Protein backbone atom coordinates (compact mmCIF):
# COMPACT_ATOMS: atom_id res chain seq x y z
CA MET A 1 47.61 -13.22 -47.86
CA GLY A 2 47.04 -16.23 -45.60
CA LYS A 3 44.84 -19.50 -46.24
CA GLN A 4 41.14 -18.93 -45.14
CA GLN A 5 40.22 -21.56 -42.57
CA VAL A 6 37.47 -23.88 -43.57
CA SER A 7 34.55 -24.14 -40.67
CA PRO A 8 33.84 -27.82 -39.68
CA PHE A 9 30.15 -26.43 -39.48
CA THR A 10 27.66 -25.46 -42.02
CA LYS A 11 26.23 -22.15 -41.97
CA GLU A 12 22.98 -23.70 -40.51
CA GLN A 13 24.62 -25.29 -37.82
CA LEU A 14 25.79 -22.61 -36.50
CA ILE A 15 22.46 -20.50 -35.80
CA PRO A 16 21.31 -20.90 -32.91
CA GLN A 17 19.14 -23.76 -32.10
CA GLU A 18 16.02 -23.63 -29.66
CA GLU A 19 16.53 -25.33 -26.70
CA THR A 20 14.82 -28.73 -26.21
CA LEU A 21 13.64 -29.71 -22.48
CA GLU A 22 13.39 -32.83 -21.12
CA ILE A 23 10.13 -34.24 -21.63
CA TYR A 24 8.84 -36.32 -18.27
CA LYS A 25 7.24 -39.55 -18.64
CA LYS A 26 3.56 -39.23 -18.07
CA LYS A 27 2.96 -42.23 -15.41
CA GLY A 28 0.28 -44.79 -16.51
CA GLN A 29 -3.00 -45.41 -14.51
CA LEU A 30 -3.76 -49.12 -14.14
CA PHE A 31 -6.89 -50.86 -13.95
CA ILE A 32 -6.52 -54.55 -13.25
CA GLY A 33 -9.35 -57.08 -13.61
CA ILE A 34 -8.72 -59.99 -11.17
CA PRO A 35 -11.22 -62.79 -12.39
CA LYS A 36 -12.15 -66.24 -10.13
CA GLU A 37 -10.25 -68.81 -11.40
CA THR A 38 -12.22 -71.39 -13.20
CA ALA A 39 -9.71 -74.12 -14.31
CA TYR A 40 -9.99 -77.76 -12.82
CA GLN A 41 -8.65 -77.58 -9.14
CA GLU A 42 -6.97 -74.02 -9.69
CA LYS A 43 -7.00 -72.22 -6.20
CA ARG A 44 -4.67 -69.63 -6.39
CA ILE A 45 -4.85 -65.93 -6.90
CA CYS A 46 -2.31 -63.28 -8.60
CA LEU A 47 -2.36 -60.61 -5.66
CA SER A 48 -2.78 -60.71 -2.12
CA PRO A 49 -4.45 -57.90 -0.37
CA ASP A 50 -1.53 -56.36 0.86
CA ALA A 51 -0.62 -56.06 -3.10
CA VAL A 52 -3.54 -54.59 -3.79
CA ALA A 53 -3.22 -52.12 -1.03
CA ALA A 54 0.48 -51.17 -2.41
CA ILE A 55 -1.13 -50.91 -5.85
CA THR A 56 -4.23 -48.77 -4.96
CA ALA A 57 -2.09 -46.75 -2.82
CA HIS A 58 -0.29 -45.71 -6.16
CA GLY A 59 -3.58 -44.38 -7.21
CA HIS A 60 -4.28 -47.31 -9.39
CA ARG A 61 -7.62 -49.42 -9.55
CA VAL A 62 -8.19 -53.09 -8.83
CA MET A 63 -11.52 -55.16 -9.37
CA ILE A 64 -11.87 -58.44 -7.95
CA GLU A 65 -14.62 -61.06 -8.91
CA SER A 66 -16.15 -61.90 -5.34
CA GLY A 67 -14.91 -65.38 -4.02
CA ALA A 68 -11.58 -65.05 -6.17
CA GLY A 69 -9.25 -65.24 -3.03
CA LYS A 70 -11.46 -67.89 -1.20
CA TRP A 71 -9.17 -70.96 -1.36
CA ALA A 72 -6.23 -68.98 -0.53
CA ARG A 73 -8.16 -67.92 2.64
CA PHE A 74 -8.45 -64.17 1.43
CA SER A 75 -11.77 -62.51 1.81
CA ASP A 76 -13.64 -60.12 -0.13
CA LYS A 77 -13.46 -57.72 3.00
CA ASP A 78 -9.78 -58.05 3.14
CA TYR A 79 -9.59 -57.08 -0.51
CA SER A 80 -12.11 -54.18 -0.28
CA ASP A 81 -10.60 -52.96 2.99
CA ALA A 82 -6.97 -53.01 0.63
CA GLY A 83 -8.92 -50.64 -1.65
CA ALA A 84 -10.23 -52.93 -4.37
CA GLU A 85 -13.61 -52.91 -5.80
CA ILE A 86 -15.72 -56.22 -5.48
CA THR A 87 -18.19 -57.26 -8.17
CA LYS A 88 -20.14 -60.51 -8.63
CA ASP A 89 -20.54 -59.68 -12.32
CA THR A 90 -17.78 -61.84 -14.24
CA LYS A 91 -17.95 -59.71 -17.46
CA LYS A 92 -17.44 -56.62 -15.56
CA VAL A 93 -14.23 -57.88 -14.23
CA PHE A 94 -13.03 -59.05 -17.75
CA SER A 95 -13.90 -55.72 -19.04
CA CYS A 96 -10.83 -54.28 -17.31
CA PRO A 97 -7.98 -52.92 -19.38
CA THR A 98 -5.59 -55.15 -17.71
CA ILE A 99 -6.27 -58.67 -17.07
CA LEU A 100 -4.46 -60.41 -14.39
CA LYS A 101 -5.17 -64.30 -13.93
CA ILE A 102 -3.10 -67.59 -13.15
CA GLU A 103 -4.56 -70.01 -15.67
CA PRO A 104 -5.16 -68.69 -19.26
CA PRO A 105 -8.66 -67.60 -19.94
CA SER A 106 -10.78 -70.14 -21.62
CA ILE A 107 -12.23 -69.53 -24.75
CA GLU A 108 -15.70 -68.60 -23.08
CA GLU A 109 -13.71 -66.07 -21.07
CA LEU A 110 -12.16 -64.78 -24.20
CA LYS A 111 -15.63 -63.48 -25.39
CA PHE A 112 -15.86 -61.25 -22.38
CA ILE A 113 -12.73 -59.28 -23.08
CA ASN A 114 -12.64 -56.00 -25.07
CA PRO A 115 -10.49 -55.45 -27.87
CA GLN A 116 -6.79 -53.96 -27.10
CA THR A 117 -6.76 -55.60 -23.50
CA ILE A 118 -3.65 -56.33 -22.00
CA LEU A 119 -3.59 -60.08 -20.52
CA ILE A 120 -1.05 -61.32 -18.07
CA SER A 121 -1.49 -64.91 -17.14
CA ALA A 122 0.22 -68.39 -17.69
CA LEU A 123 0.42 -69.56 -21.24
CA GLN A 124 0.69 -73.11 -20.91
CA ILE A 125 1.51 -73.96 -24.53
CA LYS A 126 0.80 -77.62 -23.89
CA THR A 127 -2.93 -77.29 -23.24
CA GLN A 128 -3.63 -74.64 -25.71
CA CYS A 129 -5.65 -75.05 -29.14
CA LYS A 130 -5.38 -72.76 -32.25
CA GLU A 131 -8.46 -71.09 -31.67
CA TYR A 132 -7.16 -69.37 -28.41
CA PHE A 133 -4.81 -67.56 -30.41
CA GLN A 134 -6.95 -66.72 -33.25
CA LYS A 135 -9.38 -65.34 -30.58
CA LEU A 136 -6.37 -63.18 -29.32
CA ALA A 137 -5.64 -62.23 -32.95
CA GLU A 138 -9.15 -60.96 -33.43
CA LYS A 139 -9.49 -59.02 -30.37
CA ARG A 140 -5.74 -57.32 -31.09
CA ILE A 141 -4.99 -58.19 -27.35
CA THR A 142 -1.23 -57.84 -26.14
CA ALA A 143 -0.44 -60.76 -23.93
CA LEU A 144 2.12 -61.89 -21.44
CA GLY A 145 2.99 -65.43 -20.50
CA PHE A 146 4.22 -65.07 -17.12
CA GLU A 147 6.51 -68.06 -17.13
CA PHE A 148 8.69 -66.67 -19.86
CA ILE A 149 9.38 -63.32 -17.69
CA LYS A 150 13.23 -63.04 -17.09
CA ASP A 151 14.65 -61.49 -14.21
CA ASP A 152 18.18 -59.41 -14.66
CA ASP A 153 19.90 -62.30 -13.73
CA GLY A 154 18.40 -64.68 -16.70
CA SER A 155 16.23 -66.75 -14.33
CA TYR A 156 12.33 -67.10 -14.41
CA PRO A 157 11.05 -65.69 -11.19
CA ILE A 158 7.71 -67.05 -11.19
CA VAL A 159 8.70 -70.59 -12.27
CA ARG A 160 11.58 -70.42 -9.67
CA ALA A 161 9.03 -69.49 -7.00
CA LEU A 162 6.63 -72.29 -7.93
CA SER A 163 9.41 -74.81 -8.12
CA GLU A 164 10.62 -73.63 -4.77
CA ILE A 165 7.06 -74.56 -3.26
CA ALA A 166 6.92 -77.95 -5.50
CA GLY A 167 10.10 -79.26 -4.03
CA THR A 168 9.42 -78.47 -0.72
CA ALA A 169 6.11 -80.09 -0.83
CA SER A 170 7.01 -82.97 -2.40
CA VAL A 171 8.71 -83.88 0.88
CA LEU A 172 5.96 -82.76 2.93
CA ILE A 173 3.40 -84.91 1.04
CA SER A 174 5.60 -87.73 0.60
CA SER A 175 6.18 -87.37 4.62
CA GLU A 176 2.21 -87.17 5.10
CA ILE A 177 1.91 -90.58 2.48
CA MET A 178 4.46 -92.77 4.47
CA SER A 179 2.38 -92.47 7.79
CA ASN A 180 0.01 -95.05 8.36
CA HIS A 181 -2.52 -92.24 7.28
CA ALA A 182 -3.52 -94.52 4.05
CA GLU A 183 -1.57 -97.30 2.50
CA GLY A 184 1.62 -96.00 4.01
CA ASN A 185 4.38 -98.16 5.32
CA GLY A 186 4.26 -96.18 8.90
CA LEU A 187 7.68 -94.63 8.36
CA MET A 188 8.30 -91.28 10.20
CA PHE A 189 10.02 -88.82 7.50
CA GLY A 190 13.03 -87.75 9.92
CA ASN A 191 16.31 -89.23 11.66
CA ILE A 192 15.35 -90.56 15.15
CA SER A 193 18.10 -92.08 17.41
CA GLY A 194 18.84 -95.57 16.86
CA VAL A 195 16.50 -95.90 13.81
CA PRO A 196 17.78 -95.95 10.13
CA PRO A 197 17.04 -92.65 8.57
CA VAL A 198 14.32 -92.32 5.38
CA GLU A 199 16.39 -92.94 2.41
CA VAL A 200 15.37 -90.49 -0.55
CA VAL A 201 16.41 -90.54 -4.04
CA ILE A 202 16.12 -87.20 -6.04
CA ILE A 203 16.16 -87.29 -9.93
CA GLY A 204 16.82 -83.63 -11.31
CA ALA A 205 19.11 -81.14 -9.44
CA GLY A 206 17.01 -77.81 -10.86
CA THR A 207 15.10 -75.73 -8.46
CA VAL A 208 12.67 -78.25 -7.38
CA GLY A 209 15.50 -80.92 -6.65
CA GLU A 210 17.26 -78.67 -4.91
CA PHE A 211 14.35 -77.52 -2.40
CA ALA A 212 13.36 -81.27 -2.17
CA ALA A 213 16.96 -82.02 -0.98
CA ARG A 214 17.19 -79.17 1.33
CA SER A 215 13.79 -80.16 2.95
CA ALA A 216 14.79 -83.92 3.34
CA ILE A 217 18.16 -82.89 4.70
CA GLY A 218 16.36 -80.29 7.39
CA LEU A 219 13.88 -83.61 8.27
CA GLY A 220 17.22 -85.73 8.82
CA ALA A 221 16.57 -87.94 5.84
CA SER A 222 19.57 -89.62 3.88
CA ILE A 223 19.42 -88.36 0.30
CA LYS A 224 21.01 -89.20 -2.84
CA VAL A 225 20.79 -86.82 -6.21
CA PHE A 226 20.86 -88.02 -9.76
CA ASP A 227 21.14 -85.72 -12.66
CA SER A 228 22.85 -85.58 -16.05
CA SER A 229 24.66 -82.30 -15.73
CA LEU A 230 27.78 -82.38 -13.39
CA THR A 231 27.61 -78.57 -13.04
CA LYS A 232 24.15 -78.76 -11.44
CA LEU A 233 25.33 -81.68 -9.28
CA ARG A 234 28.20 -79.25 -7.98
CA ASN A 235 25.65 -76.36 -7.48
CA ILE A 236 23.12 -78.17 -5.59
CA GLN A 237 25.90 -79.24 -3.35
CA ALA A 238 27.45 -75.67 -3.10
CA ASN A 239 24.07 -74.27 -2.55
CA LEU A 240 22.96 -76.55 0.34
CA GLY A 241 26.53 -76.48 2.12
CA SER A 242 26.53 -80.17 2.58
CA THR A 243 27.94 -83.13 1.14
CA PHE A 244 25.69 -85.58 0.20
CA TYR A 245 25.49 -88.60 -2.55
CA THR A 246 25.44 -87.06 -5.93
CA SER A 247 25.48 -89.15 -9.25
CA THR A 248 25.24 -88.78 -12.92
CA ILE A 249 22.16 -90.68 -14.19
CA GLN A 250 23.42 -94.26 -15.03
CA PRO A 251 20.63 -97.30 -15.08
CA LYS A 252 23.15 -99.42 -13.20
CA ASN A 253 23.52 -96.47 -10.13
CA LEU A 254 20.10 -95.62 -10.32
CA SER A 255 18.37 -98.84 -10.31
CA LYS A 256 20.57 -99.77 -7.23
CA ALA A 257 19.71 -96.68 -5.51
CA LEU A 258 16.14 -96.94 -6.07
CA LYS A 259 15.78 -100.78 -4.59
CA ARG A 260 16.40 -99.13 -1.10
CA ALA A 261 14.75 -96.05 -1.43
CA ASP A 262 11.75 -95.14 0.71
CA VAL A 263 10.79 -92.04 -1.16
CA VAL A 264 11.84 -91.08 -5.10
CA ILE A 265 11.25 -87.68 -5.89
CA GLY A 266 11.02 -87.19 -9.86
CA ALA A 267 11.88 -83.71 -10.97
CA VAL A 268 13.22 -83.79 -14.47
CA ARG A 269 12.35 -81.42 -17.16
CA GLY A 270 12.78 -81.80 -21.04
CA LYS A 271 12.32 -79.97 -23.69
CA ASP A 272 8.77 -81.16 -24.92
CA ARG A 273 8.12 -83.79 -22.52
CA SER A 274 10.57 -85.09 -19.59
CA PRO A 275 12.49 -88.22 -20.26
CA ILE A 276 11.25 -91.60 -18.79
CA LEU A 277 14.11 -92.37 -16.41
CA VAL A 278 12.72 -94.78 -13.95
CA THR A 279 11.65 -97.80 -15.95
CA GLU A 280 8.63 -100.12 -14.87
CA GLU A 281 11.08 -102.74 -14.18
CA MET A 282 12.93 -100.43 -11.76
CA VAL A 283 9.78 -99.37 -10.11
CA ARG A 284 8.71 -103.34 -9.99
CA SER A 285 12.22 -104.01 -8.25
CA MET A 286 11.50 -101.04 -5.25
CA LYS A 287 10.38 -101.72 -1.58
CA ARG A 288 6.68 -102.73 -0.67
CA GLY A 289 5.11 -99.11 0.32
CA ALA A 290 7.58 -96.95 -1.12
CA VAL A 291 6.45 -93.57 -2.49
CA VAL A 292 7.04 -92.12 -5.88
CA ILE A 293 6.30 -88.14 -6.16
CA ASP A 294 6.66 -87.35 -9.87
CA VAL A 295 6.66 -83.76 -9.67
CA SER A 296 7.53 -83.67 -13.64
CA ILE A 297 4.30 -85.26 -14.72
CA ASP A 298 3.02 -81.74 -15.92
CA MET A 299 5.57 -82.82 -18.90
CA GLY A 300 4.61 -86.18 -18.92
CA GLY A 301 6.33 -87.66 -16.18
CA CYS A 302 9.92 -89.38 -15.63
CA VAL A 303 8.57 -92.34 -14.17
CA GLU A 304 7.21 -94.90 -16.53
CA THR A 305 4.36 -95.97 -14.36
CA SER A 306 3.02 -92.66 -13.53
CA GLU A 307 -0.22 -91.47 -14.58
CA ILE A 308 -1.99 -88.13 -13.86
CA THR A 309 -3.90 -87.87 -10.67
CA SER A 310 -6.27 -85.01 -9.25
CA HIS A 311 -5.71 -83.27 -5.51
CA ASP A 312 -9.16 -85.24 -4.73
CA GLU A 313 -7.52 -88.63 -5.46
CA PRO A 314 -3.86 -87.93 -5.56
CA ILE A 315 -2.28 -91.72 -5.06
CA PHE A 316 -2.66 -94.97 -6.99
CA SER A 317 -0.39 -97.93 -6.20
CA LYS A 318 1.23 -100.05 -8.85
CA HIS A 319 3.64 -103.07 -8.11
CA ASP A 320 3.22 -102.05 -4.39
CA VAL A 321 4.69 -98.58 -4.70
CA ILE A 322 2.47 -95.78 -4.15
CA HIS A 323 2.19 -92.90 -6.91
CA TYR A 324 1.85 -89.54 -6.10
CA CYS A 325 1.18 -87.76 -9.69
CA VAL A 326 -0.85 -84.18 -9.39
CA PRO A 327 0.32 -82.22 -12.11
CA ASN A 328 -0.52 -78.84 -10.01
CA ILE A 329 1.15 -79.14 -6.67
CA PRO A 330 1.90 -75.51 -5.54
CA SER A 331 -2.17 -75.29 -5.94
CA ARG A 332 -2.24 -77.54 -2.82
CA TYR A 333 -0.65 -74.97 -1.34
CA ALA A 334 -2.87 -71.77 -2.44
CA ARG A 335 -2.22 -69.15 0.09
CA THR A 336 1.53 -69.71 0.06
CA SER A 337 1.72 -69.73 -3.71
CA SER A 338 -0.49 -66.83 -4.05
CA LEU A 339 1.60 -64.76 -1.77
CA SER A 340 4.93 -65.95 -3.58
CA ILE A 341 3.18 -65.19 -7.19
CA SER A 342 2.02 -61.65 -5.52
CA ASN A 343 5.38 -60.69 -4.24
CA ILE A 344 6.62 -60.94 -7.85
CA PHE A 345 3.72 -59.38 -9.67
CA THR A 346 3.81 -56.11 -7.63
CA PRO A 347 6.91 -54.62 -8.45
CA TYR A 348 6.43 -55.36 -12.23
CA LEU A 349 2.56 -53.81 -11.91
CA LEU A 350 4.06 -50.79 -10.36
CA HIS A 351 7.15 -50.52 -12.63
CA ILE A 352 4.80 -50.72 -15.79
CA ALA A 353 2.72 -47.98 -14.39
CA GLU A 354 5.97 -45.87 -13.49
CA GLU A 355 7.30 -46.16 -17.00
CA GLY A 356 4.02 -44.73 -18.49
CA GLY A 357 2.37 -47.70 -19.33
CA LEU A 358 3.31 -51.12 -20.83
CA GLU A 359 4.18 -50.23 -24.35
CA ASN A 360 6.85 -48.05 -22.60
CA THR A 361 8.13 -50.89 -20.45
CA LEU A 362 8.51 -53.13 -23.34
CA ARG A 363 10.78 -51.24 -24.78
CA PHE A 364 13.24 -50.91 -22.22
CA ASP A 365 12.79 -54.00 -20.25
CA ARG A 366 14.12 -57.13 -22.03
CA GLY A 367 12.93 -59.58 -19.22
CA LEU A 368 9.46 -58.43 -19.78
CA ARG A 369 9.67 -58.66 -23.23
CA ASN A 370 10.71 -61.99 -23.04
CA GLY A 371 7.57 -63.00 -21.85
CA LEU A 372 5.34 -61.22 -24.75
CA TYR A 373 3.70 -63.79 -26.82
CA PHE A 374 0.82 -61.49 -28.39
CA TYR A 375 1.04 -57.45 -29.23
CA HIS A 376 -1.73 -55.52 -30.56
CA GLY A 377 -3.04 -58.97 -31.94
CA ILE A 378 0.36 -60.11 -33.88
CA LEU A 379 2.00 -63.50 -32.58
CA THR A 380 5.31 -62.60 -31.58
CA SER A 381 6.69 -65.95 -30.07
CA LYS A 382 8.34 -68.25 -32.56
CA SER A 383 7.81 -71.30 -30.64
CA ILE A 384 3.98 -70.80 -30.57
CA ALA A 385 4.32 -70.26 -34.35
CA ASP A 386 5.94 -73.39 -34.95
CA TRP A 387 3.58 -75.13 -32.86
CA PHE A 388 0.39 -74.41 -34.28
CA ASN A 389 1.77 -73.57 -37.89
CA LEU A 390 0.98 -69.61 -37.11
CA SER A 391 2.79 -66.97 -38.99
CA TYR A 392 4.84 -64.62 -36.18
CA ARG A 393 6.62 -61.42 -36.17
CA ASP A 394 9.63 -60.33 -34.53
CA ILE A 395 8.83 -58.06 -31.62
CA ASN A 396 11.70 -55.83 -31.73
CA LEU A 397 10.57 -54.87 -35.20
CA LEU A 398 7.39 -53.95 -33.90
CA ILE A 399 8.37 -51.68 -31.10
CA PHE A 400 11.15 -49.83 -31.93
């Protein structure tokens, strides 16, 4: 008699099972509130009327506080024609389930927000206080800092967009200051036949530096780019498709370049603050009427003589060198900045709705998850926890 064959399956596994049908994700409906920005000299808005039209066309609701788009030259009528609901009631806007803002809400504004709200805004950790995070925890809010949202390629799309604007703007602003308009030395930012071109020194070869260089070359200036990373210097030349003077940051070389410069653009970022690369002594040796645009002033500035200025009084002179140190340069071009931010936000919002809400999207979208710093009132960011001495939980343990 042959040996009985042993089945690899148990008796239970051989019994027919009921079929599981695919469960379709239920699309989420968004109700987004966009309040008016109250932060000092903040003139931007997160969504343009065209973006609102695209969102409302998908069946979502958008409520905008009256006058929110004023500085970006978008009227209430533009938004209502695009399908938004307009209200003068600030509290009503803050009571929406999803709040979209540029600047983080103030402590006063947080009082208007309902529990379990989703807040998407900048985080600006340097300007925050412990009380802000305690309020978020109290209201069990889920909060995303848009400057930390990552793209598929690992870059930060909103930071990059605003850096592009700041870089281009730094050249336009220096061009304006150099004209005989105020204290300028009457030079034209350009290459006029027979006249030596304007000399520009750019410190930092990141996105700001790259777009400053692109604009300066476009106007015909002679540029010198300094950075501590050879890879970045190599990339900036490859990206701009032209050869120009590049150097690693060595005080002797930098000092020599600064003596000849008509314009200096500081675009260096550090971990906690920008390193000071241009000393007061270097500034003293610069040309009379030269212009310094310190784009990194929001992180302390990379020029020793820099002091924060405002859009109303943007410049001051020190050692006969004109300094422009406004921390929020993109706000000067409110419409361009708003359109740029809006182009990034719109696909994200539609993607969140498509996935059935933020909860589901966070499960599968690592880039978006990177921007999350509060989840139902639980702090999920290690850097905030370290900065303010708070306890935090790993988001991966909360979501899955």
